[in-house]
């Protein structure tokens, strides 16, 4: 499990891949150059010089520094199999929804302004309806911050888990902070 909702969304989408992403630095760099339509754009995306990208493509450099290797891998996986990624998002946002499992700090406020002190809770797997999956994926694509994603997830968990689909605790507002671990499955 990871402790970032955004990273967990990305990992859930990566499970839909049918082929593994390129492994070697040279293959990864060639893929990025092709996807970004040039060495200059690849260099800008990775925060390195254009010459460095060219040397990786030619195979003159084989082992990137750890931080650069992580950036290369992240950029490749962000662009790998976009059609499968889109299909998985569409399915989650239209019919299936997502399943969220987390250990985090939860607190809530009720209508009469009473509060429960926030405490760490390990929530069992919760099936979130498609509209929340769509909201999370859309927010992630639009560059929403981790806090914004957590607000959407708090609203979803409030509806599904704490208010039990509207059967109890009407007007309860959930706070979702200090994520220790989180996992999303499609």
N, C-alpha and C. Protein backbone atom coordinates (compact mmCIF):
# COMPACT_ATOMS: atom_id res chain seq x y z
N UNK A 1 0.83 -1.19 0.00
CA UNK A 1 0.00 0.00 0.00
C UNK A 1 0.88 1.25 0.00
N UNK A 2 0.34 2.31 -0.51
CA UNK A 2 1.02 3.59 -0.55
C UNK A 2 0.30 4.56 0.35
N UNK A 3 0.87 5.72 0.58
CA UNK A 3 0.21 6.68 1.46
C UNK A 3 -0.26 7.93 0.72
N UNK A 4 -0.39 7.86 -0.60
CA UNK A 4 -0.90 8.97 -1.39
C UNK A 4 -2.06 8.47 -2.24
N UNK A 5 -3.16 9.19 -2.17
CA UNK A 5 -4.34 8.81 -2.94
C UNK A 5 -4.07 8.90 -4.43
N UNK A 6 -3.35 9.94 -4.85
CA UNK A 6 -3.02 10.10 -6.27
C UNK A 6 -2.17 8.96 -6.79
N UNK A 7 -1.15 8.58 -6.02
CA UNK A 7 -0.30 7.46 -6.43
C UNK A 7 -1.09 6.16 -6.47
N UNK A 8 -2.01 6.00 -5.54
CA UNK A 8 -2.81 4.79 -5.50
C UNK A 8 -3.74 4.71 -6.72
N UNK A 9 -4.27 5.85 -7.17
CA UNK A 9 -5.08 5.87 -8.39
C UNK A 9 -4.24 5.44 -9.59
N UNK A 10 -3.01 5.96 -9.66
CA UNK A 10 -2.12 5.60 -10.76
C UNK A 10 -1.79 4.11 -10.75
N UNK A 11 -1.51 3.56 -9.57
CA UNK A 11 -1.20 2.14 -9.46
C UNK A 11 -2.39 1.27 -9.86
N UNK A 12 -3.58 1.69 -9.51
CA UNK A 12 -4.77 0.93 -9.88
C UNK A 12 -4.91 0.87 -11.40
N UNK A 13 -4.63 1.97 -12.08
CA UNK A 13 -4.71 1.99 -13.54
C UNK A 13 -3.62 1.14 -14.17
N UNK A 14 -2.45 1.10 -13.54
CA UNK A 14 -1.34 0.31 -14.09
C UNK A 14 -1.66 -1.18 -14.06
N UNK A 15 -2.55 -1.61 -13.19
CA UNK A 15 -2.92 -3.02 -13.14
C UNK A 15 -3.70 -3.44 -14.38
N UNK A 16 -4.21 -2.46 -15.13
CA UNK A 16 -4.96 -2.76 -16.35
C UNK A 16 -4.04 -3.01 -17.54
N UNK A 17 -2.74 -2.73 -17.40
CA UNK A 17 -1.81 -2.90 -18.50
C UNK A 17 -1.74 -4.37 -18.93
N UNK A 18 -1.64 -4.58 -20.24
CA UNK A 18 -1.54 -5.94 -20.76
C UNK A 18 -0.10 -6.32 -21.10
N UNK A 19 0.76 -5.34 -21.27
CA UNK A 19 2.17 -5.58 -21.55
C UNK A 19 3.01 -4.79 -20.55
N UNK A 20 4.15 -5.31 -20.18
CA UNK A 20 5.01 -4.56 -19.26
C UNK A 20 5.63 -3.35 -19.97
N UNK A 21 5.83 -2.29 -19.22
CA UNK A 21 6.48 -1.09 -19.75
C UNK A 21 7.96 -1.40 -19.99
N UNK A 22 8.62 -0.63 -20.85
CA UNK A 22 10.06 -0.86 -21.08
C UNK A 22 10.85 -0.81 -19.78
N UNK A 23 11.87 -1.66 -19.68
CA UNK A 23 12.65 -1.75 -18.44
C UNK A 23 13.99 -1.01 -18.51
N UNK A 24 14.72 -1.17 -19.61
CA UNK A 24 16.06 -0.57 -19.67
C UNK A 24 15.95 0.94 -19.85
N UNK A 25 16.96 1.65 -19.39
CA UNK A 25 16.97 3.11 -19.51
C UNK A 25 16.91 3.54 -20.97
N UNK A 26 17.60 2.82 -21.84
CA UNK A 26 17.60 3.18 -23.25
C UNK A 26 16.20 3.00 -23.85
N UNK A 27 15.56 1.87 -23.58
CA UNK A 27 14.21 1.62 -24.11
C UNK A 27 13.20 2.62 -23.55
N UNK A 28 13.33 2.93 -22.27
CA UNK A 28 12.43 3.91 -21.67
C UNK A 28 12.61 5.29 -22.30
N UNK A 29 13.86 5.67 -22.51
CA UNK A 29 14.13 6.99 -23.08
C UNK A 29 13.65 7.06 -24.52
N UNK A 30 13.85 5.99 -25.29
CA UNK A 30 13.36 5.96 -26.67
C UNK A 30 11.84 6.11 -26.68
N UNK A 31 11.17 5.44 -25.77
CA UNK A 31 9.72 5.53 -25.70
C UNK A 31 9.28 6.97 -25.38
N UNK A 32 9.95 7.59 -24.41
CA UNK A 32 9.59 8.97 -24.05
C UNK A 32 9.83 9.93 -25.20
N UNK A 33 10.95 9.76 -25.90
CA UNK A 33 11.25 10.63 -27.04
C UNK A 33 10.16 10.48 -28.10
N UNK A 34 9.74 9.27 -28.34
CA UNK A 34 8.70 9.03 -29.34
C UNK A 34 7.36 9.64 -28.89
N UNK A 35 7.00 9.42 -27.64
CA UNK A 35 5.72 9.92 -27.13
C UNK A 35 5.68 11.45 -27.05
N UNK A 36 6.80 12.04 -26.66
CA UNK A 36 6.85 13.50 -26.50
C UNK A 36 7.31 14.21 -27.77
N UNK A 37 7.56 13.42 -28.81
CA UNK A 37 7.91 13.94 -30.13
C UNK A 37 9.19 14.78 -30.13
N UNK A 38 10.22 14.24 -29.49
CA UNK A 38 11.53 14.88 -29.56
C UNK A 38 12.32 14.81 -28.28
N UNK A 39 13.64 14.96 -28.44
CA UNK A 39 14.52 14.89 -27.29
C UNK A 39 14.40 16.12 -26.40
N UNK A 40 14.08 17.25 -27.00
CA UNK A 40 13.97 18.49 -26.22
C UNK A 40 12.79 18.39 -25.24
N UNK A 41 11.66 17.91 -25.72
CA UNK A 41 10.48 17.77 -24.86
C UNK A 41 10.72 16.71 -23.77
N UNK A 42 11.40 15.62 -24.13
CA UNK A 42 11.71 14.58 -23.14
C UNK A 42 12.63 15.14 -22.07
N UNK A 43 13.62 15.92 -22.49
CA UNK A 43 14.55 16.53 -21.54
C UNK A 43 13.81 17.47 -20.58
N UNK A 44 12.89 18.25 -21.11
CA UNK A 44 12.12 19.18 -20.27
C UNK A 44 11.25 18.41 -19.27
N UNK A 45 10.63 17.32 -19.71
CA UNK A 45 9.78 16.53 -18.82
C UNK A 45 10.58 15.88 -17.69
N UNK A 46 11.83 15.54 -17.98
CA UNK A 46 12.66 14.85 -16.98
C UNK A 46 13.55 15.79 -16.18
N UNK A 47 13.69 17.01 -16.62
CA UNK A 47 14.55 17.96 -15.93
C UNK A 47 16.03 17.70 -16.15
N UNK A 48 16.38 17.23 -17.35
CA UNK A 48 17.78 16.99 -17.71
C UNK A 48 18.07 17.72 -19.02
N UNK A 49 19.32 17.70 -19.45
CA UNK A 49 19.67 18.37 -20.70
C UNK A 49 19.27 17.50 -21.90
N UNK A 50 19.12 18.15 -23.03
CA UNK A 50 18.77 17.44 -24.26
C UNK A 50 19.89 16.48 -24.62
N UNK A 51 21.12 16.87 -24.39
CA UNK A 51 22.27 16.01 -24.69
C UNK A 51 22.23 14.73 -23.85
N UNK A 52 21.81 14.84 -22.61
CA UNK A 52 21.71 13.66 -21.75
C UNK A 52 20.69 12.68 -22.32
N UNK A 53 19.56 13.19 -22.77
CA UNK A 53 18.53 12.33 -23.38
C UNK A 53 19.11 11.64 -24.61
N UNK A 54 19.82 12.39 -25.44
CA UNK A 54 20.41 11.82 -26.66
C UNK A 54 21.40 10.70 -26.32
N UNK A 55 22.17 10.89 -25.25
CA UNK A 55 23.14 9.87 -24.86
C UNK A 55 22.45 8.59 -24.37
N UNK A 56 21.32 8.72 -23.67
CA UNK A 56 20.55 7.54 -23.27
C UNK A 56 19.98 6.83 -24.48
N UNK A 57 19.45 7.58 -25.44
CA UNK A 57 18.86 6.99 -26.65
C UNK A 57 19.91 6.21 -27.43
N UNK A 58 21.12 6.73 -27.51
CA UNK A 58 22.20 6.06 -28.24
C UNK A 58 22.80 4.90 -27.45
N UNK A 59 22.49 4.81 -26.18
CA UNK A 59 23.04 3.74 -25.36
C UNK A 59 24.39 4.08 -24.76
N UNK A 60 24.79 5.35 -24.83
CA UNK A 60 26.08 5.76 -24.26
C UNK A 60 26.03 5.81 -22.73
N UNK A 61 24.85 6.05 -22.19
CA UNK A 61 24.64 5.99 -20.74
C UNK A 61 23.63 4.87 -20.52
N UNK A 62 23.95 3.99 -19.58
CA UNK A 62 23.08 2.83 -19.38
C UNK A 62 22.36 2.82 -18.03
N UNK A 63 22.97 3.43 -17.02
CA UNK A 63 22.39 3.39 -15.68
C UNK A 63 22.19 4.81 -15.14
N UNK A 64 20.94 5.25 -15.07
CA UNK A 64 20.69 6.59 -14.54
C UNK A 64 20.81 6.62 -13.01
N UNK A 65 21.02 7.83 -12.49
CA UNK A 65 21.00 8.02 -11.03
C UNK A 65 19.63 7.57 -10.51
N UNK A 66 19.55 7.25 -9.23
CA UNK A 66 18.30 6.74 -8.66
C UNK A 66 17.15 7.72 -8.85
N UNK A 67 17.39 9.01 -8.59
CA UNK A 67 16.31 9.98 -8.72
C UNK A 67 15.86 10.13 -10.17
N UNK A 68 16.81 10.11 -11.10
CA UNK A 68 16.47 10.20 -12.52
C UNK A 68 15.77 8.92 -12.99
N UNK A 69 16.22 7.78 -12.52
CA UNK A 69 15.57 6.51 -12.90
C UNK A 69 14.11 6.51 -12.46
N UNK A 70 13.84 7.04 -11.28
CA UNK A 70 12.46 7.11 -10.78
C UNK A 70 11.63 8.05 -11.64
N UNK A 71 12.20 9.20 -12.03
CA UNK A 71 11.47 10.14 -12.88
C UNK A 71 11.19 9.54 -14.25
N UNK A 72 12.18 8.85 -14.82
CA UNK A 72 12.00 8.22 -16.14
C UNK A 72 10.88 7.19 -16.05
N UNK A 73 10.93 6.33 -15.04
CA UNK A 73 9.92 5.29 -14.88
C UNK A 73 8.53 5.89 -14.70
N UNK A 74 8.43 6.94 -13.88
CA UNK A 74 7.15 7.59 -13.64
C UNK A 74 6.58 8.19 -14.93
N UNK A 75 7.43 8.86 -15.72
CA UNK A 75 6.98 9.47 -16.97
C UNK A 75 6.57 8.41 -18.00
N UNK A 76 7.29 7.29 -18.05
CA UNK A 76 6.93 6.22 -18.98
C UNK A 76 5.58 5.62 -18.58
N UNK A 77 5.41 5.29 -17.30
CA UNK A 77 4.17 4.67 -16.85
C UNK A 77 2.98 5.61 -16.97
N UNK A 78 3.23 6.91 -16.88
CA UNK A 78 2.16 7.89 -17.05
C UNK A 78 1.60 7.86 -18.47
N UNK A 79 2.45 7.48 -19.43
CA UNK A 79 2.06 7.50 -20.83
C UNK A 79 1.85 6.10 -21.44
N UNK A 80 2.14 5.05 -20.69
CA UNK A 80 2.10 3.68 -21.21
C UNK A 80 0.66 3.23 -21.42
N UNK A 81 0.37 2.64 -22.54
CA UNK A 81 -0.92 2.08 -22.93
C UNK A 81 -2.10 3.01 -22.58
N UNK A 82 -2.14 4.17 -23.22
CA UNK A 82 -3.18 5.15 -22.89
C UNK A 82 -4.60 4.67 -23.20
N UNK A 83 -4.77 3.82 -24.20
CA UNK A 83 -6.11 3.34 -24.52
C UNK A 83 -6.64 2.41 -23.43
N UNK A 84 -5.78 1.55 -22.92
CA UNK A 84 -6.21 0.66 -21.83
C UNK A 84 -6.50 1.45 -20.56
N UNK A 85 -5.67 2.45 -20.30
CA UNK A 85 -5.87 3.32 -19.14
C UNK A 85 -7.24 4.02 -19.25
N UNK A 86 -7.53 4.56 -20.44
CA UNK A 86 -8.79 5.27 -20.66
C UNK A 86 -9.98 4.32 -20.52
N UNK A 87 -9.83 3.10 -21.03
CA UNK A 87 -10.91 2.10 -20.94
C UNK A 87 -11.17 1.74 -19.47
N UNK A 88 -10.12 1.56 -18.68
CA UNK A 88 -10.29 1.23 -17.26
C UNK A 88 -10.96 2.38 -16.51
N UNK A 89 -10.56 3.62 -16.81
CA UNK A 89 -11.19 4.79 -16.18
C UNK A 89 -12.66 4.87 -16.53
N UNK A 90 -12.96 4.66 -17.80
CA UNK A 90 -14.35 4.76 -18.26
C UNK A 90 -15.22 3.70 -17.58
N UNK A 91 -14.70 2.49 -17.47
CA UNK A 91 -15.45 1.41 -16.84
C UNK A 91 -15.70 1.72 -15.36
N UNK A 92 -14.67 2.20 -14.67
CA UNK A 92 -14.81 2.54 -13.25
C UNK A 92 -15.78 3.71 -13.05
N UNK A 93 -15.74 4.68 -13.97
CA UNK A 93 -16.56 5.88 -13.83
C UNK A 93 -18.00 5.67 -14.30
N UNK A 94 -18.25 4.61 -15.07
CA UNK A 94 -19.60 4.43 -15.59
C UNK A 94 -20.37 3.27 -14.94
N UNK A 95 -19.69 2.19 -14.61
CA UNK A 95 -20.42 1.03 -14.11
C UNK A 95 -19.86 0.44 -12.82
N UNK A 96 -18.56 0.25 -12.75
CA UNK A 96 -17.98 -0.53 -11.66
C UNK A 96 -17.67 0.26 -10.39
N UNK A 97 -17.23 1.50 -10.52
CA UNK A 97 -16.75 2.24 -9.36
C UNK A 97 -15.37 1.74 -8.97
N UNK A 98 -14.93 2.11 -7.78
CA UNK A 98 -13.63 1.68 -7.29
C UNK A 98 -13.79 1.14 -5.87
N UNK A 99 -12.78 0.40 -5.43
CA UNK A 99 -12.76 -0.12 -4.06
C UNK A 99 -11.60 0.54 -3.34
N UNK A 100 -11.89 1.18 -2.22
CA UNK A 100 -10.88 1.91 -1.46
C UNK A 100 -10.69 1.23 -0.11
N UNK A 101 -9.45 0.96 0.24
CA UNK A 101 -9.09 0.41 1.54
C UNK A 101 -8.06 1.35 2.14
N UNK A 102 -8.24 1.76 3.38
CA UNK A 102 -7.32 2.75 3.95
C UNK A 102 -7.19 2.64 5.46
N UNK A 103 -6.07 3.16 5.93
CA UNK A 103 -5.86 3.43 7.34
C UNK A 103 -5.47 4.90 7.40
N UNK A 104 -6.29 5.69 8.06
CA UNK A 104 -6.08 7.14 8.09
C UNK A 104 -6.78 7.72 9.31
N UNK A 105 -6.57 9.01 9.50
CA UNK A 105 -7.22 9.72 10.60
C UNK A 105 -8.56 10.24 10.09
N UNK A 106 -9.63 9.86 10.79
CA UNK A 106 -10.98 10.30 10.43
C UNK A 106 -11.58 11.04 11.62
N UNK A 107 -12.23 12.13 11.30
CA UNK A 107 -13.02 12.87 12.27
C UNK A 107 -14.28 13.29 11.57
N UNK A 108 -15.27 13.74 12.33
CA UNK A 108 -16.49 14.17 11.68
C UNK A 108 -17.19 15.22 12.51
N UNK A 109 -18.02 16.00 11.82
CA UNK A 109 -18.83 17.03 12.44
C UNK A 109 -20.28 16.76 12.06
N UNK A 110 -21.16 16.80 13.05
CA UNK A 110 -22.58 16.58 12.79
C UNK A 110 -23.29 17.92 12.68
N UNK A 111 -24.59 17.90 12.33
CA UNK A 111 -25.36 19.12 12.13
C UNK A 111 -25.42 20.01 13.36
N UNK A 112 -25.53 19.42 14.54
CA UNK A 112 -25.64 20.24 15.74
C UNK A 112 -24.27 20.71 16.25
N UNK A 113 -23.28 20.72 15.34
CA UNK A 113 -21.93 21.21 15.61
C UNK A 113 -21.19 20.42 16.68
N UNK A 114 -21.60 19.21 16.93
CA UNK A 114 -20.82 18.35 17.82
C UNK A 114 -19.73 17.71 16.98
N UNK A 115 -18.61 17.47 17.60
CA UNK A 115 -17.51 16.86 16.86
C UNK A 115 -17.02 15.63 17.59
N UNK A 116 -16.45 14.75 16.82
CA UNK A 116 -15.79 13.59 17.38
C UNK A 116 -14.31 13.83 17.13
N UNK A 117 -13.50 13.71 18.16
CA UNK A 117 -12.07 13.89 17.96
C UNK A 117 -11.58 12.90 16.92
N UNK A 118 -10.80 13.42 16.01
CA UNK A 118 -10.28 12.57 14.94
C UNK A 118 -9.40 11.47 15.53
N UNK A 119 -9.51 10.29 14.95
CA UNK A 119 -8.65 9.19 15.38
C UNK A 119 -8.32 8.33 14.17
N UNK A 120 -7.26 7.56 14.29
CA UNK A 120 -6.84 6.69 13.20
C UNK A 120 -7.77 5.48 13.17
N UNK A 121 -8.29 5.23 11.98
CA UNK A 121 -9.17 4.09 11.78
C UNK A 121 -8.69 3.29 10.58
N UNK A 122 -8.80 2.00 10.68
CA UNK A 122 -8.52 1.13 9.55
C UNK A 122 -9.87 0.73 8.96
N UNK A 123 -10.21 1.36 7.83
CA UNK A 123 -11.49 1.05 7.20
C UNK A 123 -11.35 -0.18 6.32
N UNK A 124 -12.31 -1.08 6.41
CA UNK A 124 -12.28 -2.23 5.50
C UNK A 124 -12.56 -1.75 4.07
N UNK A 125 -12.38 -2.60 3.12
CA UNK A 125 -12.60 -2.24 1.71
C UNK A 125 -14.01 -1.69 1.52
N UNK A 126 -14.07 -0.51 0.89
CA UNK A 126 -15.35 0.14 0.64
C UNK A 126 -15.54 0.33 -0.86
N UNK A 127 -16.63 -0.14 -1.39
CA UNK A 127 -16.95 0.04 -2.81
C UNK A 127 -17.55 1.42 -2.98
N UNK A 128 -16.84 2.27 -3.71
CA UNK A 128 -17.32 3.63 -3.96
C UNK A 128 -18.06 3.65 -5.30
N UNK A 129 -19.20 4.32 -5.35
CA UNK A 129 -19.99 4.37 -6.58
C UNK A 129 -19.23 5.04 -7.74
N UNK A 130 -19.67 4.77 -8.97
CA UNK A 130 -18.98 5.30 -10.16
C UNK A 130 -18.81 6.82 -10.18
N UNK A 131 -19.78 7.58 -9.65
CA UNK A 131 -19.64 9.04 -9.72
C UNK A 131 -18.43 9.52 -8.93
N UNK A 132 -18.07 8.84 -7.85
CA UNK A 132 -16.90 9.22 -7.08
C UNK A 132 -15.62 8.80 -7.80
N UNK A 133 -15.66 7.65 -8.47
CA UNK A 133 -14.50 7.23 -9.28
C UNK A 133 -14.25 8.27 -10.37
N UNK A 134 -15.31 8.69 -11.03
CA UNK A 134 -15.17 9.69 -12.09
C UNK A 134 -14.62 11.00 -11.54
N UNK A 135 -15.13 11.43 -10.39
CA UNK A 135 -14.66 12.67 -9.78
C UNK A 135 -13.17 12.58 -9.42
N UNK A 136 -12.75 11.45 -8.87
CA UNK A 136 -11.34 11.28 -8.50
C UNK A 136 -10.44 11.27 -9.73
N UNK A 137 -10.81 10.50 -10.77
CA UNK A 137 -9.98 10.43 -11.97
C UNK A 137 -9.93 11.78 -12.69
N UNK A 138 -11.06 12.47 -12.76
CA UNK A 138 -11.09 13.78 -13.41
C UNK A 138 -10.23 14.78 -12.65
N UNK A 139 -10.34 14.78 -11.34
CA UNK A 139 -9.53 15.69 -10.53
C UNK A 139 -8.05 15.39 -10.68
N UNK A 140 -7.70 14.11 -10.71
CA UNK A 140 -6.29 13.72 -10.87
C UNK A 140 -5.75 14.18 -12.21
N UNK A 141 -6.54 14.00 -13.28
CA UNK A 141 -6.13 14.44 -14.61
C UNK A 141 -5.95 15.94 -14.70
N UNK A 142 -6.78 16.68 -13.95
CA UNK A 142 -6.72 18.14 -13.98
C UNK A 142 -5.70 18.72 -13.02
N UNK A 143 -4.89 17.85 -12.42
CA UNK A 143 -3.80 18.33 -11.56
C UNK A 143 -4.22 18.72 -10.15
N UNK A 144 -5.29 18.13 -9.64
CA UNK A 144 -5.75 18.44 -8.29
C UNK A 144 -4.69 18.04 -7.26
N UNK A 145 -4.65 18.77 -6.18
CA UNK A 145 -3.71 18.46 -5.11
C UNK A 145 -4.18 17.23 -4.34
N UNK A 146 -3.30 16.69 -3.54
CA UNK A 146 -3.64 15.54 -2.72
C UNK A 146 -4.79 15.89 -1.77
N UNK A 147 -4.79 17.11 -1.24
CA UNK A 147 -5.87 17.55 -0.35
C UNK A 147 -7.21 17.55 -1.05
N UNK A 148 -7.23 17.99 -2.32
CA UNK A 148 -8.48 18.00 -3.09
C UNK A 148 -8.99 16.57 -3.31
N UNK A 149 -8.06 15.65 -3.62
CA UNK A 149 -8.44 14.26 -3.81
C UNK A 149 -8.99 13.67 -2.52
N UNK A 150 -8.36 14.02 -1.39
CA UNK A 150 -8.82 13.51 -0.10
C UNK A 150 -10.21 14.05 0.24
N UNK A 151 -10.52 15.28 -0.17
CA UNK A 151 -11.86 15.83 0.08
C UNK A 151 -12.92 15.03 -0.68
N UNK A 152 -12.61 14.68 -1.93
CA UNK A 152 -13.54 13.88 -2.72
C UNK A 152 -13.72 12.50 -2.07
N UNK A 153 -12.61 11.90 -1.66
CA UNK A 153 -12.68 10.58 -1.01
C UNK A 153 -13.42 10.67 0.32
N UNK A 154 -13.23 11.76 1.07
CA UNK A 154 -13.94 11.93 2.35
C UNK A 154 -15.44 12.01 2.11
N UNK A 155 -15.84 12.73 1.07
CA UNK A 155 -17.26 12.82 0.73
C UNK A 155 -17.81 11.44 0.39
N UNK A 156 -17.05 10.68 -0.40
CA UNK A 156 -17.47 9.34 -0.80
C UNK A 156 -17.57 8.40 0.40
N UNK A 157 -16.54 8.41 1.25
CA UNK A 157 -16.56 7.54 2.43
C UNK A 157 -17.65 7.97 3.41
N UNK A 158 -17.88 9.27 3.50
CA UNK A 158 -18.97 9.75 4.35
C UNK A 158 -20.30 9.19 3.91
N UNK A 159 -20.53 9.21 2.60
CA UNK A 159 -21.79 8.70 2.06
C UNK A 159 -21.90 7.18 2.20
N UNK A 160 -20.85 6.48 1.82
CA UNK A 160 -20.93 5.01 1.76
C UNK A 160 -20.74 4.35 3.13
N UNK A 161 -19.75 4.80 3.89
CA UNK A 161 -19.40 4.10 5.13
C UNK A 161 -20.06 4.74 6.36
N UNK A 162 -19.83 6.02 6.57
CA UNK A 162 -20.29 6.65 7.80
C UNK A 162 -21.81 6.91 7.81
N UNK A 163 -22.38 7.34 6.66
CA UNK A 163 -23.82 7.59 6.60
C UNK A 163 -24.58 6.39 6.05
N UNK A 164 -23.87 5.34 5.68
CA UNK A 164 -24.46 4.09 5.20
C UNK A 164 -25.49 4.33 4.09
N UNK A 165 -25.07 5.10 3.09
CA UNK A 165 -25.93 5.35 1.94
C UNK A 165 -27.17 6.16 2.28
N UNK A 166 -27.10 6.98 3.33
CA UNK A 166 -28.23 7.82 3.70
C UNK A 166 -29.15 7.22 4.74
N UNK A 167 -28.82 6.04 5.25
CA UNK A 167 -29.68 5.38 6.24
C UNK A 167 -29.42 5.84 7.68
N UNK A 168 -28.33 6.56 7.90
CA UNK A 168 -28.05 7.04 9.26
C UNK A 168 -27.14 8.25 9.21
N UNK A 169 -27.00 8.92 10.33
CA UNK A 169 -26.07 10.05 10.51
C UNK A 169 -26.23 11.11 9.43
N UNK A 170 -27.47 11.55 9.20
CA UNK A 170 -27.71 12.58 8.19
C UNK A 170 -26.93 13.85 8.54
N UNK A 171 -26.35 14.50 7.55
CA UNK A 171 -25.64 15.75 7.76
C UNK A 171 -24.23 15.60 8.31
N UNK A 172 -23.75 14.40 8.45
CA UNK A 172 -22.41 14.16 8.98
C UNK A 172 -21.37 14.56 7.94
N UNK A 173 -20.40 15.36 8.34
CA UNK A 173 -19.31 15.77 7.46
C UNK A 173 -18.03 15.09 7.93
N UNK A 174 -17.34 14.40 7.00
CA UNK A 174 -16.19 13.59 7.34
C UNK A 174 -14.89 14.31 6.98
N UNK A 175 -13.93 14.25 7.89
CA UNK A 175 -12.58 14.74 7.63
C UNK A 175 -11.67 13.53 7.46
N UNK A 176 -10.86 13.55 6.41
CA UNK A 176 -10.00 12.42 6.04
C UNK A 176 -8.59 12.97 5.92
N UNK A 177 -7.73 12.70 6.91
CA UNK A 177 -6.37 13.27 6.92
C UNK A 177 -5.36 12.21 7.36
N UNK A 178 -4.10 12.58 7.34
CA UNK A 178 -3.00 11.74 7.84
C UNK A 178 -3.09 10.30 7.34
N UNK A 179 -3.11 10.14 6.04
CA UNK A 179 -3.23 8.82 5.45
C UNK A 179 -1.95 8.03 5.75
N UNK A 180 -2.11 6.90 6.39
CA UNK A 180 -0.98 6.03 6.67
C UNK A 180 -0.77 5.04 5.54
N UNK A 181 -1.86 4.50 5.03
CA UNK A 181 -1.81 3.63 3.87
C UNK A 181 -3.15 3.65 3.16
N UNK A 182 -3.08 3.48 1.84
CA UNK A 182 -4.30 3.51 1.05
C UNK A 182 -4.11 2.65 -0.18
N UNK A 183 -5.17 1.96 -0.57
CA UNK A 183 -5.12 1.14 -1.78
C UNK A 183 -6.43 1.29 -2.53
N UNK A 184 -6.31 1.46 -3.83
CA UNK A 184 -7.48 1.54 -4.68
C UNK A 184 -7.42 0.40 -5.68
N UNK A 185 -8.54 -0.27 -5.85
CA UNK A 185 -8.66 -1.33 -6.85
C UNK A 185 -9.82 -0.99 -7.76
N UNK A 186 -9.66 -1.35 -9.01
CA UNK A 186 -10.73 -1.11 -9.98
C UNK A 186 -11.67 -2.30 -10.02
